[in-house]
Amino acid sequence: MRKPRRPGFRPFSLVALGTDLAMRGVQAQMVIGERIAKLVVGGPKARTEAQRKVTEKVLAAGSAAVALATGGSPRKVLRSYRRKVQANHQLLSKD
């Protein structure tokens, strides 16, 4: 006899995880393109963006490591990256 599923529970799926990874890759490439365009123009905004980029990368890697070390799932880490990538895309597309 099977146990009833919890509401909102989705079993782990490699296909879903692969799809999420592919989408993050596409979104990240868009942000990279926007950042490069801003850096090519130069000036104070470019310097600020370069510093922000490095800081974000270090913090994101650290938070992903902590999440995984404390029992977080890869899906949880991907959701966190997704929010960050989308926020960067919105921020960069305003300028």
Protein backbone atom coordinates (compact mmCIF):
# COMPACT_ATOMS: atom_id res chain seq x y z
CA MET A 1 0.00 0.00 0.00
CA ARG A 2 1.34 3.42 -0.96
CA LYS A 3 1.52 6.28 1.46
CA PRO A 4 -0.58 9.32 0.50
CA ARG A 5 1.45 12.20 -0.91
CA ARG A 6 1.84 15.42 0.95
CA PRO A 7 0.18 18.41 -0.72
CA GLY A 8 2.62 20.14 -3.03
CA PHE A 9 5.08 17.22 -2.90
CA ARG A 10 6.83 16.46 -6.18
CA PRO A 11 9.09 13.45 -6.46
CA PHE A 12 12.66 14.09 -7.52
CA SER A 13 12.94 14.12 -11.28
CA LEU A 14 16.18 14.22 -13.22
CA VAL A 15 14.33 15.57 -16.24
CA ALA A 16 12.93 18.49 -14.23
CA LEU A 17 16.33 19.17 -12.70
CA GLY A 18 17.95 19.08 -16.15
CA THR A 19 15.34 21.46 -17.52
CA ASP A 20 15.90 23.85 -14.61
CA LEU A 21 19.65 23.73 -15.19
CA ALA A 22 19.23 24.47 -18.90
CA MET A 23 16.93 27.42 -18.19
CA ARG A 24 19.36 28.86 -15.63
CA GLY A 25 22.09 28.56 -18.22
CA VAL A 26 20.09 30.52 -20.79
CA GLN A 27 19.14 33.20 -18.28
CA ALA A 28 22.70 33.46 -17.00
CA GLN A 29 23.98 33.95 -20.56
CA MET A 30 21.56 36.85 -21.00
CA VAL A 31 22.83 38.49 -17.81
CA ILE A 32 26.44 37.92 -18.87
CA GLY A 33 25.75 39.64 -22.19
CA GLU A 34 24.13 42.60 -20.45
CA ARG A 35 27.04 42.88 -18.03
CA ILE A 36 29.64 42.74 -20.80
CA ALA A 37 27.81 45.49 -22.68
CA LYS A 38 27.88 47.66 -19.57
CA LEU A 39 31.59 46.94 -18.96
CA VAL A 40 32.51 47.77 -22.57
CA VAL A 41 30.95 51.23 -22.23
CA GLY A 42 33.14 51.86 -19.17
CA GLY A 43 32.87 54.63 -16.63
CA PRO A 44 31.77 54.63 -13.00
CA LYS A 45 28.75 52.39 -13.67
CA ALA A 46 31.03 49.77 -15.21
CA ARG A 47 33.36 49.81 -12.22
CA THR A 48 30.42 49.41 -9.83
CA GLU A 49 29.03 46.56 -11.92
CA ALA A 50 32.38 44.75 -11.98
CA GLN A 51 32.68 44.96 -8.19
CA ARG A 52 29.07 43.82 -7.73
CA LYS A 53 29.63 40.89 -10.09
CA VAL A 54 32.59 39.54 -8.13
CA THR A 55 30.88 40.01 -4.77
CA GLU A 56 27.71 38.26 -5.99
CA LYS A 57 29.66 35.27 -7.33
CA VAL A 58 31.49 34.71 -4.05
CA LEU A 59 28.33 35.07 -1.95
CA ALA A 60 26.29 32.80 -4.25
CA ALA A 61 28.92 30.05 -4.16
CA GLY A 62 29.11 30.28 -0.37
CA SER A 63 25.36 30.14 0.13
CA ALA A 64 25.06 27.19 -2.28
CA ALA A 65 27.76 25.31 -0.37
CA VAL A 66 26.04 25.99 2.95
CA ALA A 67 22.65 24.94 1.58
CA LEU A 68 24.03 21.65 0.27
CA ALA A 69 26.10 20.98 3.41
CA THR A 70 23.05 21.45 5.63
CA GLY A 71 20.91 19.00 3.68
CA GLY A 72 19.44 21.29 1.04
CA SER A 73 18.55 19.81 -2.30
CA PRO A 74 20.09 20.76 -5.64
CA ARG A 75 16.62 21.97 -6.65
CA LYS A 76 16.62 24.42 -3.72
CA VAL A 77 20.02 25.77 -4.78
CA LEU A 78 18.77 26.18 -8.36
CA ARG A 79 15.69 28.09 -7.18
CA SER A 80 17.95 30.42 -5.23
CA TYR A 81 20.16 31.00 -8.29
CA ARG A 82 17.07 31.56 -10.42
CA ARG A 83 15.87 34.39 -8.19
CA LYS A 84 19.32 35.99 -8.24
CA VAL A 85 19.70 35.71 -12.01
CA GLN A 86 16.24 37.17 -12.61
CA ALA A 87 16.95 40.05 -10.22
CA ASN A 88 20.22 40.77 -12.04
CA HIS A 89 18.47 40.68 -15.41
CA GLN A 90 15.87 43.20 -14.22
CA LEU A 91 18.51 45.44 -12.70
CA LEU A 92 20.74 45.41 -15.77
CA SER A 93 17.91 45.90 -18.27
CA LYS A 94 16.82 49.14 -16.53
CA ASP A 95 19.99 51.01 -17.55
